[in-house]
Amino acid sequence: MASKALFKYLPGHSAGASAMVSVLVNGAVVPMSSASSLAAGLLAAGITAVRVSPVGQGPRAPYCMMGVCFECLVDVNGRPNQQACLITPQDGMEVTTMQAAPSLLDAQEAKHV
């Protein structure tokens, strides 16, 4: 879910000064600075909802940007539950936003059947 970018680089930082990489996010190519975290690159591209809560299905976005809160979990190259704020973007990396924990959703649906 892309929207207007809420994250902006600080004055004096030039994203073009560092190498730019192309990351595949949900099937779309997203250019981002290799000097930032994956979470910062996603936010700069306007991608704010990186997963949904398995309990309430509410959208979740990177919050602390330092690996404490686990709100920025994404699937990276087929590995789920990766903290985007602790990963450096690399050219060709494949990122999929997490729509929920399937095992939890299956358990909730089973209760309502």
PDB file of N, CA and C in Angstrom:
ATOM      1  N   MET A   1       0.849  -1.156   0.000  1.00  0.00           N
ATOM      2  CA  MET A   1       0.000   0.000   0.000  1.00  0.00           C
ATOM      3  C   MET A   1       0.905   1.233   0.000  1.00  0.00           C
ATOM      4  N   ALA A   2       1.033   1.862  -1.136  1.00  0.00           N
ATOM      5  CA  ALA A   2       1.862   3.053  -1.245  1.00  0.00           C
ATOM      6  C   ALA A   2       1.005   4.295  -1.034  1.00  0.00           C
ATOM      7  N   SER A   3       1.574   5.273  -0.398  1.00  0.00           N
ATOM      8  CA  SER A   3       0.886   6.535  -0.172  1.00  0.00           C
ATOM      9  C   SER A   3       1.932   7.637  -0.237  1.00  0.00           C
ATOM     10  N   LYS A   4       1.533   8.848   0.118  1.00  0.00           N
ATOM     11  CA  LYS A   4       2.490   9.947   0.140  1.00  0.00           C
ATOM     12  C   LYS A   4       3.571   9.625   1.171  1.00  0.00           C
ATOM     13  N   ALA A   5       4.822   9.835   0.789  1.00  0.00           N
ATOM     14  CA  ALA A   5       5.945   9.508   1.672  1.00  0.00           C
ATOM     15  C   ALA A   5       5.888  10.339   2.951  1.00  0.00           C
ATOM     16  N   LEU A   6       5.915   9.670   4.092  1.00  0.00           N
ATOM     17  CA  LEU A   6       5.934  10.352   5.376  1.00  0.00           C
ATOM     18  C   LEU A   6       7.356  10.538   5.877  1.00  0.00           C
ATOM     19  N   PHE A   7       8.277   9.765   5.344  1.00  0.00           N
ATOM     20  CA  PHE A   7       9.672   9.809   5.752  1.00  0.00           C
ATOM     21  C   PHE A   7      10.436  10.656   4.755  1.00  0.00           C
ATOM     22  N   LYS A   8      11.224  11.581   5.242  1.00  0.00           N
ATOM     23  CA  LYS A   8      12.058  12.400   4.364  1.00  0.00           C
ATOM     24  C   LYS A   8      13.477  12.401   4.920  1.00  0.00           C
ATOM     25  N   TYR A   9      14.451  12.435   4.020  1.00  0.00           N
ATOM     26  CA  TYR A   9      15.832  12.508   4.461  1.00  0.00           C
ATOM     27  C   TYR A   9      16.114  13.862   5.090  1.00  0.00           C
ATOM     28  N   LEU A  10      17.020  13.892   6.062  1.00  0.00           N
ATOM     29  CA  LEU A  10      17.397  15.137   6.723  1.00  0.00           C
ATOM     30  C   LEU A  10      18.105  16.063   5.744  1.00  0.00           C
ATOM     31  N   PRO A  11      18.007  17.394   5.971  1.00  0.00           N
ATOM     32  CA  PRO A  11      18.733  18.329   5.105  1.00  0.00           C
ATOM     33  C   PRO A  11      20.223  18.006   5.135  1.00  0.00           C
ATOM     34  N   GLY A  12      20.839  18.106   3.986  1.00  0.00           N
ATOM     35  CA  GLY A  12      22.266  17.796   3.896  1.00  0.00           C
ATOM     36  C   GLY A  12      22.539  16.363   3.490  1.00  0.00           C
ATOM     37  N   HIS A  13      21.538  15.469   3.631  1.00  0.00           N
ATOM     38  CA  HIS A  13      21.707  14.080   3.201  1.00  0.00           C
ATOM     39  C   HIS A  13      21.225  13.970   1.770  1.00  0.00           C
ATOM     40  N   SER A  14      22.051  13.439   0.942  1.00  0.00           N
ATOM     41  CA  SER A  14      21.667  13.248  -0.444  1.00  0.00           C
ATOM     42  C   SER A  14      21.568  11.758  -0.712  1.00  0.00           C
ATOM     43  N   ALA A  15      20.356  11.289  -0.946  1.00  0.00           N
ATOM     44  CA  ALA A  15      20.162   9.857  -1.203  1.00  0.00           C
ATOM     45  C   ALA A  15      20.936   9.428  -2.432  1.00  0.00           C
ATOM     46  N   GLY A  16      21.128  10.353  -3.371  1.00  0.00           N
ATOM     47  CA  GLY A  16      21.866  10.021  -4.585  1.00  0.00           C
ATOM     48  C   GLY A  16      23.368   9.903  -4.357  1.00  0.00           C
ATOM     49  N   ALA A  17      23.861  10.406  -3.212  1.00  0.00           N
ATOM     50  CA  ALA A  17      25.298  10.351  -2.935  1.00  0.00           C
ATOM     51  C   ALA A  17      25.751   8.919  -2.678  1.00  0.00           C
ATOM     52  N   SER A  18      24.871   8.100  -2.145  1.00  0.00           N
ATOM     53  CA  SER A  18      25.205   6.696  -1.932  1.00  0.00           C
ATOM     54  C   SER A  18      24.631   5.901  -3.091  1.00  0.00           C
ATOM     55  N   ALA A  19      25.074   4.699  -3.233  1.00  0.00           N
ATOM     56  CA  ALA A  19      24.604   3.852  -4.321  1.00  0.00           C
ATOM     57  C   ALA A  19      23.112   3.594  -4.167  1.00  0.00           C
ATOM     58  N   MET A  20      22.414   3.651  -5.262  1.00  0.00           N
ATOM     59  CA  MET A  20      20.997   3.320  -5.270  1.00  0.00           C
ATOM     60  C   MET A  20      20.857   1.861  -5.671  1.00  0.00           C
ATOM     61  N   VAL A  21      19.929   1.179  -5.036  1.00  0.00           N
ATOM     62  CA  VAL A  21      19.662  -0.218  -5.354  1.00  0.00           C
ATOM     63  C   VAL A  21      18.195  -0.348  -5.739  1.00  0.00           C
ATOM     64  N   SER A  22      17.883  -1.387  -6.471  1.00  0.00           N
ATOM     65  CA  SER A  22      16.506  -1.671  -6.857  1.00  0.00           C
ATOM     66  C   SER A  22      16.022  -2.867  -6.061  1.00  0.00           C
ATOM     67  N   VAL A  23      14.975  -2.651  -5.283  1.00  0.00           N
ATOM     68  CA  VAL A  23      14.393  -3.696  -4.449  1.00  0.00           C
ATOM     69  C   VAL A  23      13.002  -4.005  -5.000  1.00  0.00           C
ATOM     70  N   LEU A  24      12.686  -5.271  -5.141  1.00  0.00           N
ATOM     71  CA  LEU A  24      11.371  -5.683  -5.614  1.00  0.00           C
ATOM     72  C   LEU A  24      10.445  -5.793  -4.406  1.00  0.00           C
ATOM     73  N   VAL A  25       9.460  -4.904  -4.328  1.00  0.00           N
ATOM     74  CA  VAL A  25       8.530  -4.881  -3.200  1.00  0.00           C
ATOM     75  C   VAL A  25       7.142  -5.234  -3.718  1.00  0.00           C
ATOM     76  N   ASN A  26       6.632  -6.360  -3.284  1.00  0.00           N
ATOM     77  CA  ASN A  26       5.317  -6.837  -3.740  1.00  0.00           C
ATOM     78  C   ASN A  26       5.209  -6.817  -5.258  1.00  0.00           C
ATOM     79  N   GLY A  27       6.296  -7.157  -5.931  1.00  0.00           N
ATOM     80  CA  GLY A  27       6.296  -7.244  -7.385  1.00  0.00           C
ATOM     81  C   GLY A  27       6.644  -5.964  -8.116  1.00  0.00           C
ATOM     82  N   ALA A  28       6.797  -4.854  -7.406  1.00  0.00           N
ATOM     83  CA  ALA A  28       7.134  -3.570  -8.034  1.00  0.00           C
ATOM     84  C   ALA A  28       8.568  -3.185  -7.681  1.00  0.00           C
ATOM     85  N   VAL A  29       9.297  -2.656  -8.650  1.00  0.00           N
ATOM     86  CA  VAL A  29      10.674  -2.222  -8.411  1.00  0.00           C
ATOM     87  C   VAL A  29      10.650  -0.895  -7.663  1.00  0.00           C
ATOM     88  N   VAL A  30      11.353  -0.852  -6.526  1.00  0.00           N
ATOM     89  CA  VAL A  30      11.426   0.354  -5.697  1.00  0.00           C
ATOM     90  C   VAL A  30      12.900   0.725  -5.537  1.00  0.00           C
ATOM     91  N   PRO A  31      13.323   1.870  -6.089  1.00  0.00           N
ATOM     92  CA  PRO A  31      14.709   2.305  -5.883  1.00  0.00           C
ATOM     93  C   PRO A  31      14.860   2.893  -4.481  1.00  0.00           C
ATOM     94  N   MET A  32      15.981   2.569  -3.839  1.00  0.00           N
ATOM     95  CA  MET A  32      16.254   3.138  -2.520  1.00  0.00           C
ATOM     96  C   MET A  32      17.747   3.222  -2.292  1.00  0.00           C
ATOM     97  N   SER A  33      18.130   4.044  -1.347  1.00  0.00           N
ATOM     98  CA  SER A  33      19.537   4.239  -1.022  1.00  0.00           C
ATOM     99  C   SER A  33      20.088   3.032  -0.277  1.00  0.00           C
ATOM    100  N   SER A  34      21.259   2.598  -0.667  1.00  0.00           N
ATOM    101  CA  SER A  34      21.894   1.477   0.030  1.00  0.00           C
ATOM    102  C   SER A  34      22.479   1.908   1.369  1.00  0.00           C
ATOM    103  N   ALA A  35      22.456   3.222   1.647  1.00  0.00           N
ATOM    104  CA  ALA A  35      22.993   3.732   2.909  1.00  0.00           C
ATOM    105  C   ALA A  35      21.929   3.795   4.004  1.00  0.00           C
ATOM    106  N   SER A  36      20.684   3.474   3.660  1.00  0.00           N
ATOM    107  CA  SER A  36      19.616   3.511   4.651  1.00  0.00           C
ATOM    108  C   SER A  36      19.204   2.092   5.009  1.00  0.00           C
ATOM    109  N   SER A  37      18.318   1.972   5.967  1.00  0.00           N
ATOM    110  CA  SER A  37      17.766   0.651   6.275  1.00  0.00           C
ATOM    111  C   SER A  37      16.653   0.353   5.274  1.00  0.00           C
ATOM    112  N   LEU A  38      16.273  -0.897   5.181  1.00  0.00           N
ATOM    113  CA  LEU A  38      15.168  -1.285   4.316  1.00  0.00           C
ATOM    114  C   LEU A  38      13.884  -0.572   4.752  1.00  0.00           C
ATOM    115  N   ALA A  39      13.648  -0.466   6.060  1.00  0.00           N
ATOM    116  CA  ALA A  39      12.462   0.219   6.571  1.00  0.00           C
ATOM    117  C   ALA A  39      12.458   1.688   6.136  1.00  0.00           C
ATOM    118  N   ALA A  40      13.590   2.367   6.232  1.00  0.00           N
ATOM    119  CA  ALA A  40      13.674   3.773   5.821  1.00  0.00           C
ATOM    120  C   ALA A  40      13.430   3.902   4.323  1.00  0.00           C
ATOM    121  N   GLY A  41      13.953   2.977   3.544  1.00  0.00           N
ATOM    122  CA  GLY A  41      13.726   2.997   2.099  1.00  0.00           C
ATOM    123  C   GLY A  41      12.263   2.794   1.743  1.00  0.00           C
ATOM    124  N   LEU A  42      11.598   1.897   2.462  1.00  0.00           N
ATOM    125  CA  LEU A  42      10.177   1.662   2.226  1.00  0.00           C
ATOM    126  C   LEU A  42       9.365   2.909   2.571  1.00  0.00           C
ATOM    127  N   LEU A  43       9.666   3.523   3.709  1.00  0.00           N
ATOM    128  CA  LEU A  43       8.954   4.737   4.113  1.00  0.00           C
ATOM    129  C   LEU A  43       9.199   5.876   3.131  1.00  0.00           C
ATOM    130  N   ALA A  44      10.444   6.026   2.667  1.00  0.00           N
ATOM    131  CA  ALA A  44      10.769   7.086   1.712  1.00  0.00           C
ATOM    132  C   ALA A  44      10.036   6.877   0.391  1.00  0.00           C
ATOM    133  N   ALA A  45       9.735   5.629   0.056  1.00  0.00           N
ATOM    134  CA  ALA A  45       9.004   5.321  -1.172  1.00  0.00           C
ATOM    135  C   ALA A  45       7.494   5.445  -0.993  1.00  0.00           C
ATOM    136  N   GLY A  46       7.044   5.758   0.224  1.00  0.00           N
ATOM    137  CA  GLY A  46       5.620   5.920   0.475  1.00  0.00           C
ATOM    138  C   GLY A  46       4.913   4.639   0.876  1.00  0.00           C
ATOM    139  N   ILE A  47       5.680   3.594   1.158  1.00  0.00           N
ATOM    140  CA  ILE A  47       5.096   2.325   1.586  1.00  0.00           C
ATOM    141  C   ILE A  47       5.076   2.330   3.107  1.00  0.00           C
ATOM    142  N   THR A  48       3.910   2.565   3.666  1.00  0.00           N
ATOM    143  CA  THR A  48       3.819   2.714   5.115  1.00  0.00           C
ATOM    144  C   THR A  48       3.316   1.464   5.816  1.00  0.00           C
ATOM    145  N   ALA A  49       2.371   0.762   5.244  1.00  0.00           N
ATOM    146  CA  ALA A  49       1.850  -0.455   5.873  1.00  0.00           C
ATOM    147  C   ALA A  49       2.653  -1.649   5.373  1.00  0.00           C
ATOM    148  N   VAL A  50       3.524  -2.184   6.229  1.00  0.00           N
ATOM    149  CA  VAL A  50       4.368  -3.307   5.814  1.00  0.00           C
ATOM    150  C   VAL A  50       3.815  -4.652   6.277  1.00  0.00           C
ATOM    151  N   ARG A  51       2.848  -4.630   7.162  1.00  0.00           N
ATOM    152  CA  ARG A  51       2.198  -5.861   7.613  1.00  0.00           C
ATOM    153  C   ARG A  51       0.868  -5.487   8.232  1.00  0.00           C
ATOM    154  N   VAL A  52       0.065  -6.511   8.530  1.00  0.00           N
ATOM    155  CA  VAL A  52      -1.175  -6.278   9.265  1.00  0.00           C
ATOM    156  C   VAL A  52      -1.127  -7.083  10.546  1.00  0.00           C
ATOM    157  N   SER A  53      -1.798  -6.591  11.545  1.00  0.00           N
ATOM    158  CA  SER A  53      -1.839  -7.267  12.834  1.00  0.00           C
ATOM    159  C   SER A  53      -2.641  -8.555  12.700  1.00  0.00           C
ATOM    160  N   PRO A  54      -2.107  -9.670  13.211  1.00  0.00           N
ATOM    161  CA  PRO A  54      -2.861 -10.921  13.123  1.00  0.00           C
ATOM    162  C   PRO A  54      -4.113 -10.921  13.991  1.00  0.00           C
ATOM    163  N   VAL A  55      -4.187 -10.037  14.959  1.00  0.00           N
ATOM    164  CA  VAL A  55      -5.348 -10.018  15.852  1.00  0.00           C
ATOM    165  C   VAL A  55      -6.459  -9.143  15.289  1.00  0.00           C
ATOM    166  N   GLY A  56      -6.177  -7.874  15.044  1.00  0.00           N
ATOM    167  CA  GLY A  56      -7.215  -6.961  14.586  1.00  0.00           C
ATOM    168  C   GLY A  56      -7.180  -6.646  13.107  1.00  0.00           C
ATOM    169  N   GLN A  57      -6.212  -7.189  12.376  1.00  0.00           N
ATOM    170  CA  GLN A  57      -6.031  -6.943  10.948  1.00  0.00           C
ATOM    171  C   GLN A  57      -5.734  -5.480  10.628  1.00  0.00           C
ATOM    172  N   GLY A  58      -5.267  -4.709  11.617  1.00  0.00           N
ATOM    173  CA  GLY A  58      -4.931  -3.312  11.384  1.00  0.00           C
ATOM    174  C   GLY A  58      -3.564  -3.180  10.728  1.00  0.00           C
ATOM    175  N   PRO A  59      -3.392  -2.168   9.878  1.00  0.00           N
ATOM    176  CA  PRO A  59      -2.095  -1.964   9.229  1.00  0.00           C
ATOM    177  C   PRO A  59      -1.031  -1.561  10.251  1.00  0.00           C
ATOM    178  N   ARG A  60       0.168  -2.072  10.081  1.00  0.00           N
ATOM    179  CA  ARG A  60       1.288  -1.760  10.973  1.00  0.00           C
ATOM    180  C   ARG A  60       2.427  -1.196  10.125  1.00  0.00           C
ATOM    181  N   ALA A  61       3.187  -0.284  10.695  1.00  0.00           N
ATOM    182  CA  ALA A  61       4.278   0.375   9.981  1.00  0.00           C
ATOM    183  C   ALA A  61       5.517   0.407  10.862  1.00  0.00           C
ATOM    184  N   PRO A  62       6.697   0.635  10.261  1.00  0.00           N
ATOM    185  CA  PRO A  62       7.902   0.786  11.073  1.00  0.00           C
ATOM    186  C   PRO A  62       7.688   1.877  12.117  1.00  0.00           C
ATOM    187  N   TYR A  63       8.155   1.615  13.325  1.00  0.00           N
ATOM    188  CA  TYR A  63       7.902   2.540  14.424  1.00  0.00           C
ATOM    189  C   TYR A  63       9.197   3.013  15.079  1.00  0.00           C
ATOM    190  N   CYS A  64       9.930   2.114  15.699  1.00  0.00           N
ATOM    191  CA  CYS A  64      11.098   2.541  16.484  1.00  0.00           C
ATOM    192  C   CYS A  64      12.351   2.707  15.620  1.00  0.00           C
ATOM    193  N   MET A  65      12.417   2.003  14.509  1.00  0.00           N
ATOM    194  CA  MET A  65      13.541   2.061  13.560  1.00  0.00           C
ATOM    195  C   MET A  65      14.867   1.600  14.168  1.00  0.00           C
ATOM    196  N   MET A  66      14.815   0.804  15.254  1.00  0.00           N
ATOM    197  CA  MET A  66      16.055   0.314  15.855  1.00  0.00           C
ATOM    198  C   MET A  66      15.951  -1.126  16.349  1.00  0.00           C
ATOM    199  N   GLY A  67      14.926  -1.854  15.930  1.00  0.00           N
ATOM    200  CA  GLY A  67      14.847  -3.272  16.226  1.00  0.00           C
ATOM    201  C   GLY A  67      14.201  -3.662  17.537  1.00  0.00           C
ATOM    202  N   VAL A  68      13.498  -2.745  18.171  1.00  0.00           N
ATOM    203  CA  VAL A  68      12.899  -3.042  19.468  1.00  0.00           C
ATOM    204  C   VAL A  68      11.430  -3.448  19.346  1.00  0.00           C
ATOM    205  N   CYS A  69      10.682  -2.808  18.471  1.00  0.00           N
ATOM    206  CA  CYS A  69       9.224  -2.958  18.488  1.00  0.00           C
ATOM    207  C   CYS A  69       8.659  -4.062  17.589  1.00  0.00           C
ATOM    208  N   PHE A  70       9.373  -4.529  16.598  1.00  0.00           N
ATOM    209  CA  PHE A  70       8.938  -5.594  15.683  1.00  0.00           C
ATOM    210  C   PHE A  70       7.725  -5.209  14.834  1.00  0.00           C
ATOM    211  N   GLU A  71       7.483  -3.929  14.635  1.00  0.00           N
ATOM    212  CA  GLU A  71       6.367  -3.491  13.792  1.00  0.00           C
ATOM    213  C   GLU A  71       6.709  -3.529  12.307  1.00  0.00           C
ATOM    214  N   CYS A  72       7.982  -3.637  11.972  1.00  0.00           N
ATOM    215  CA  CYS A  72       8.411  -3.551  10.573  1.00  0.00           C
ATOM    216  C   CYS A  72       8.682  -4.920   9.946  1.00  0.00           C
ATOM    217  N   LEU A  73       8.053  -5.959  10.447  1.00  0.00           N
ATOM    218  CA  LEU A  73       8.315  -7.299   9.937  1.00  0.00           C
ATOM    219  C   LEU A  73       7.859  -7.449   8.490  1.00  0.00           C
ATOM    220  N   VAL A  74       8.760  -7.974   7.658  1.00  0.00           N
ATOM    221  CA  VAL A  74       8.486  -8.232   6.251  1.00  0.00           C
ATOM    222  C   VAL A  74       9.092  -9.583   5.872  1.00  0.00           C
ATOM    223  N   ASP A  75       8.727 -10.064   4.721  1.00  0.00           N
ATOM    224  CA  ASP A  75       9.310 -11.271   4.150  1.00  0.00           C
ATOM    225  C   ASP A  75      10.424 -10.812   3.214  1.00  0.00           C
ATOM    226  N   VAL A  76      11.662 -11.266   3.440  1.00  0.00           N
ATOM    227  CA  VAL A  76      12.796 -10.877   2.605  1.00  0.00           C
ATOM    228  C   VAL A  76      13.380 -12.126   1.959  1.00  0.00           C
ATOM    229  N   ASN A  77      13.347 -12.160   0.642  1.00  0.00           N
ATOM    230  CA  ASN A  77      13.879 -13.293  -0.122  1.00  0.00           C
ATOM    231  C   ASN A  77      13.327 -14.629   0.374  1.00  0.00           C
ATOM    232  N   GLY A  78      12.037 -14.651   0.682  1.00  0.00           N
ATOM    233  CA  GLY A  78      11.384 -15.879   1.108  1.00  0.00           C
ATOM    234  C   GLY A  78      11.492 -16.197   2.586  1.00  0.00           C
ATOM    235  N   ARG A  79      12.145 -15.341   3.350  1.00  0.00           N
ATOM    236  CA  ARG A  79      12.264 -15.547   4.799  1.00  0.00           C
ATOM    237  C   ARG A  79      11.314 -14.600   5.520  1.00  0.00           C
ATOM    238  N   PRO A  80      10.272 -15.129   6.173  1.00  0.00           N
ATOM    239  CA  PRO A  80       9.308 -14.261   6.859  1.00  0.00           C
ATOM    240  C   PRO A  80       9.851 -13.702   8.172  1.00  0.00           C
ATOM    241  N   ASN A  81       9.164 -12.722   8.697  1.00  0.00           N
ATOM    242  CA  ASN A  81       9.449 -12.130  10.011  1.00  0.00           C
ATOM    243  C   ASN A  81      10.835 -11.507  10.124  1.00  0.00           C
ATOM    244  N   GLN A  82      11.263 -10.813   9.083  1.00  0.00           N
ATOM    245  CA  GLN A  82      12.536 -10.112   9.104  1.00  0.00           C
ATOM    246  C   GLN A  82      12.288  -8.655   9.472  1.00  0.00           C
ATOM    247  N   GLN A  83      13.091  -8.119  10.372  1.00  0.00           N
ATOM    248  CA  GLN A  83      12.943  -6.722  10.787  1.00  0.00           C
ATOM    249  C   GLN A  83      13.573  -5.808   9.743  1.00  0.00           C
ATOM    250  N   ALA A  84      12.735  -5.082   9.028  1.00  0.00           N
ATOM    251  CA  ALA A  84      13.200  -4.220   7.943  1.00  0.00           C
ATOM    252  C   ALA A  84      14.130  -3.114   8.427  1.00  0.00           C
ATOM    253  N   CYS A  85      13.990  -2.697   9.680  1.00  0.00           N
ATOM    254  CA  CYS A  85      14.839  -1.610  10.187  1.00  0.00           C
ATOM    255  C   CYS A  85      16.275  -2.073  10.436  1.00  0.00           C
ATOM    256  N   LEU A  86      16.499  -3.370  10.483  1.00  0.00           N
ATOM    257  CA  LEU A  86      17.838  -3.897  10.743  1.00  0.00           C
ATOM    258  C   LEU A  86      18.505  -4.475   9.496  1.00  0.00           C
ATOM    259  N   ILE A  87      17.873  -4.306   8.344  1.00  0.00           N
ATOM    260  CA  ILE A  87      18.380  -4.874   7.100  1.00  0.00           C
ATOM    261  C   ILE A  87      18.802  -3.764   6.159  1.00  0.00           C
ATOM    262  N   THR A  88      19.951  -3.930   5.547  1.00  0.00           N
ATOM    263  CA  THR A  88      20.431  -2.994   4.534  1.00  0.00           C
ATOM    264  C   THR A  88      19.903  -3.447   3.178  1.00  0.00           C
ATOM    265  N   PRO A  89      19.251  -2.556   2.429  1.00  0.00           N
ATOM    266  CA  PRO A  89      18.725  -2.967   1.126  1.00  0.00           C
ATOM    267  C   PRO A  89      19.843  -3.354   0.167  1.00  0.00           C
ATOM    268  N   GLN A  90      19.591  -4.394  -0.615  1.00  0.00           N
ATOM    269  CA  GLN A  90      20.557  -4.859  -1.599  1.00  0.00           C
ATOM    270  C   GLN A  90      19.875  -4.975  -2.950  1.00  0.00           C
ATOM    271  N   ASP A  91      20.643  -4.753  -3.985  1.00  0.00           N
ATOM    272  CA  ASP A  91      20.114  -4.819  -5.339  1.00  0.00           C
ATOM    273  C   ASP A  91      19.518  -6.200  -5.601  1.00  0.00           C
ATOM    274  N   GLY A  92      18.286  -6.242  -6.107  1.00  0.00           N
ATOM    275  CA  GLY A  92      17.638  -7.501  -6.428  1.00  0.00           C
ATOM    276  C   GLY A  92      16.908  -8.156  -5.268  1.00  0.00           C
ATOM    277  N   MET A  93      16.969  -7.572  -4.087  1.00  0.00           N
ATOM    278  CA  MET A  93      16.284  -8.128  -2.918  1.00  0.00           C
ATOM    279  C   MET A  93      14.782  -8.169  -3.196  1.00  0.00           C
ATOM    280  N   GLU A  94      14.131  -9.257  -2.791  1.00  0.00           N
ATOM    281  CA  GLU A  94      12.685  -9.392  -2.958  1.00  0.00           C
ATOM    282  C   GLU A  94      12.005  -9.275  -1.598  1.00  0.00           C
ATOM    283  N   VAL A  95      11.142  -8.284  -1.469  1.00  0.00           N
ATOM    284  CA  VAL A  95      10.454  -8.011  -0.211  1.00  0.00           C
ATOM    285  C   VAL A  95       8.951  -8.153  -0.432  1.00  0.00           C
ATOM    286  N   THR A  96       8.310  -8.852   0.472  1.00  0.00           N
ATOM    287  CA  THR A  96       6.857  -8.990   0.439  1.00  0.00           C
ATOM    288  C   THR A  96       6.320  -8.529   1.786  1.00  0.00           C
ATOM    289  N   THR A  97       5.342  -7.632   1.739  1.00  0.00           N
ATOM    290  CA  THR A  97       4.738  -7.204   2.991  1.00  0.00           C
ATOM    291  C   THR A  97       3.948  -8.377   3.558  1.00  0.00           C
ATOM    292  N   MET A  98       3.891  -8.458   4.872  1.00  0.00           N
ATOM    293  CA  MET A  98       3.243  -9.587   5.530  1.00  0.00           C
ATOM    294  C   MET A  98       1.782  -9.244   5.821  1.00  0.00           C
ATOM    295  N   GLN A  99       0.896 -10.056   5.313  1.00  0.00           N
ATOM    296  CA  GLN A  99      -0.524  -9.785   5.439  1.00  0.00           C
ATOM    297  C   GLN A  99      -1.127 -10.341   6.717  1.00  0.00           C
ATOM    298  N   ALA A 100      -0.434 -11.195   7.427  1.00  0.00           N
ATOM    299  CA  ALA A 100      -0.837 -11.748   8.732  1.00  0.00           C
ATOM    300  C   ALA A 100      -0.110 -13.060   8.917  1.00  0.00           C
ATOM    301  N   ALA A 101      -0.160 -13.567  10.087  1.00  0.00           N
ATOM    302  CA  ALA A 101       0.428 -14.875  10.366  1.00  0.00           C
ATOM    303  C   ALA A 101      -0.611 -15.922   9.968  1.00  0.00           C
ATOM    304  N   PRO A 102      -0.390 -16.692   8.899  1.00  0.00           N
ATOM    305  CA  PRO A 102      -1.396 -17.627   8.406  1.00  0.00           C
ATOM    306  C   PRO A 102      -1.897 -18.605   9.463  1.00  0.00           C
ATOM    307  N   SER A 103      -1.017 -19.089  10.324  1.00  0.00           N
ATOM    308  CA  SER A 103      -1.465 -20.061  11.314  1.00  0.00           C
ATOM    309  C   SER A 103      -2.448 -19.429  12.296  1.00  0.00           C
ATOM    310  N   LEU A 104      -2.247 -18.168  12.636  1.00  0.00           N
ATOM    311  CA  LEU A 104      -3.179 -17.493  13.530  1.00  0.00           C
ATOM    312  C   LEU A 104      -4.513 -17.232  12.837  1.00  0.00           C
ATOM    313  N   LEU A 105      -4.456 -16.821  11.574  1.00  0.00           N
ATOM    314  CA  LEU A 105      -5.694 -16.575  10.843  1.00  0.00           C
ATOM    315  C   LEU A 105      -6.492 -17.858  10.685  1.00  0.00           C
ATOM    316  N   ASP A 106      -5.814 -18.956  10.357  1.00  0.00           N
ATOM    317  CA  ASP A 106      -6.503 -20.231  10.201  1.00  0.00           C
ATOM    318  C   ASP A 106      -7.178 -20.638  11.501  1.00  0.00           C
ATOM    319  N   ALA A 107      -6.512 -20.424  12.633  1.00  0.00           N
ATOM    320  CA  ALA A 107      -7.083 -20.769  13.931  1.00  0.00           C
ATOM    321  C   ALA A 107      -8.301 -19.910  14.236  1.00  0.00           C
ATOM    322  N   GLN A 108      -8.240 -18.612  13.894  1.00  0.00           N
ATOM    323  CA  GLN A 108      -9.376 -17.731  14.151  1.00  0.00           C
ATOM    324  C   GLN A 108     -10.562 -18.113  13.273  1.00  0.00           C
ATOM    325  N   GLU A 109     -10.300 -18.413  11.985  1.00  0.00           N
ATOM    326  CA  GLU A 109     -11.375 -18.791  11.073  1.00  0.00           C
ATOM    327  C   GLU A 109     -12.018 -20.111  11.508  1.00  0.00           C
ATOM    328  N   ALA A 110     -11.226 -21.026  12.018  1.00  0.00           N
ATOM    329  CA  ALA A 110     -11.747 -22.317  12.438  1.00  0.00           C
ATOM    330  C   ALA A 110     -12.730 -22.158  13.600  1.00  0.00           C
ATOM    331  N   LYS A 111     -12.498 -21.172  14.460  1.00  0.00           N
ATOM    332  CA  LYS A 111     -13.396 -20.936  15.593  1.00  0.00           C
ATOM    333  C   LYS A 111     -14.766 -20.442  15.129  1.00  0.00           C
ATOM    334  N   HIS A 112     -14.796 -19.750  13.982  1.00  0.00           N
ATOM    335  CA  HIS A 112     -16.040 -19.135  13.506  1.00  0.00           C
ATOM    336  C   HIS A 112     -16.803 -20.030  12.538  1.00  0.00           C
ATOM    337  N   VAL A 113     -16.336 -21.226  12.295  1.00  0.00           N
ATOM    338  CA  VAL A 113     -17.013 -22.119  11.340  1.00  0.00           C
ATOM    339  C   VAL A 113     -17.992 -23.005  12.053  1.00  0.00           C
TER     340      VAL A 113
END
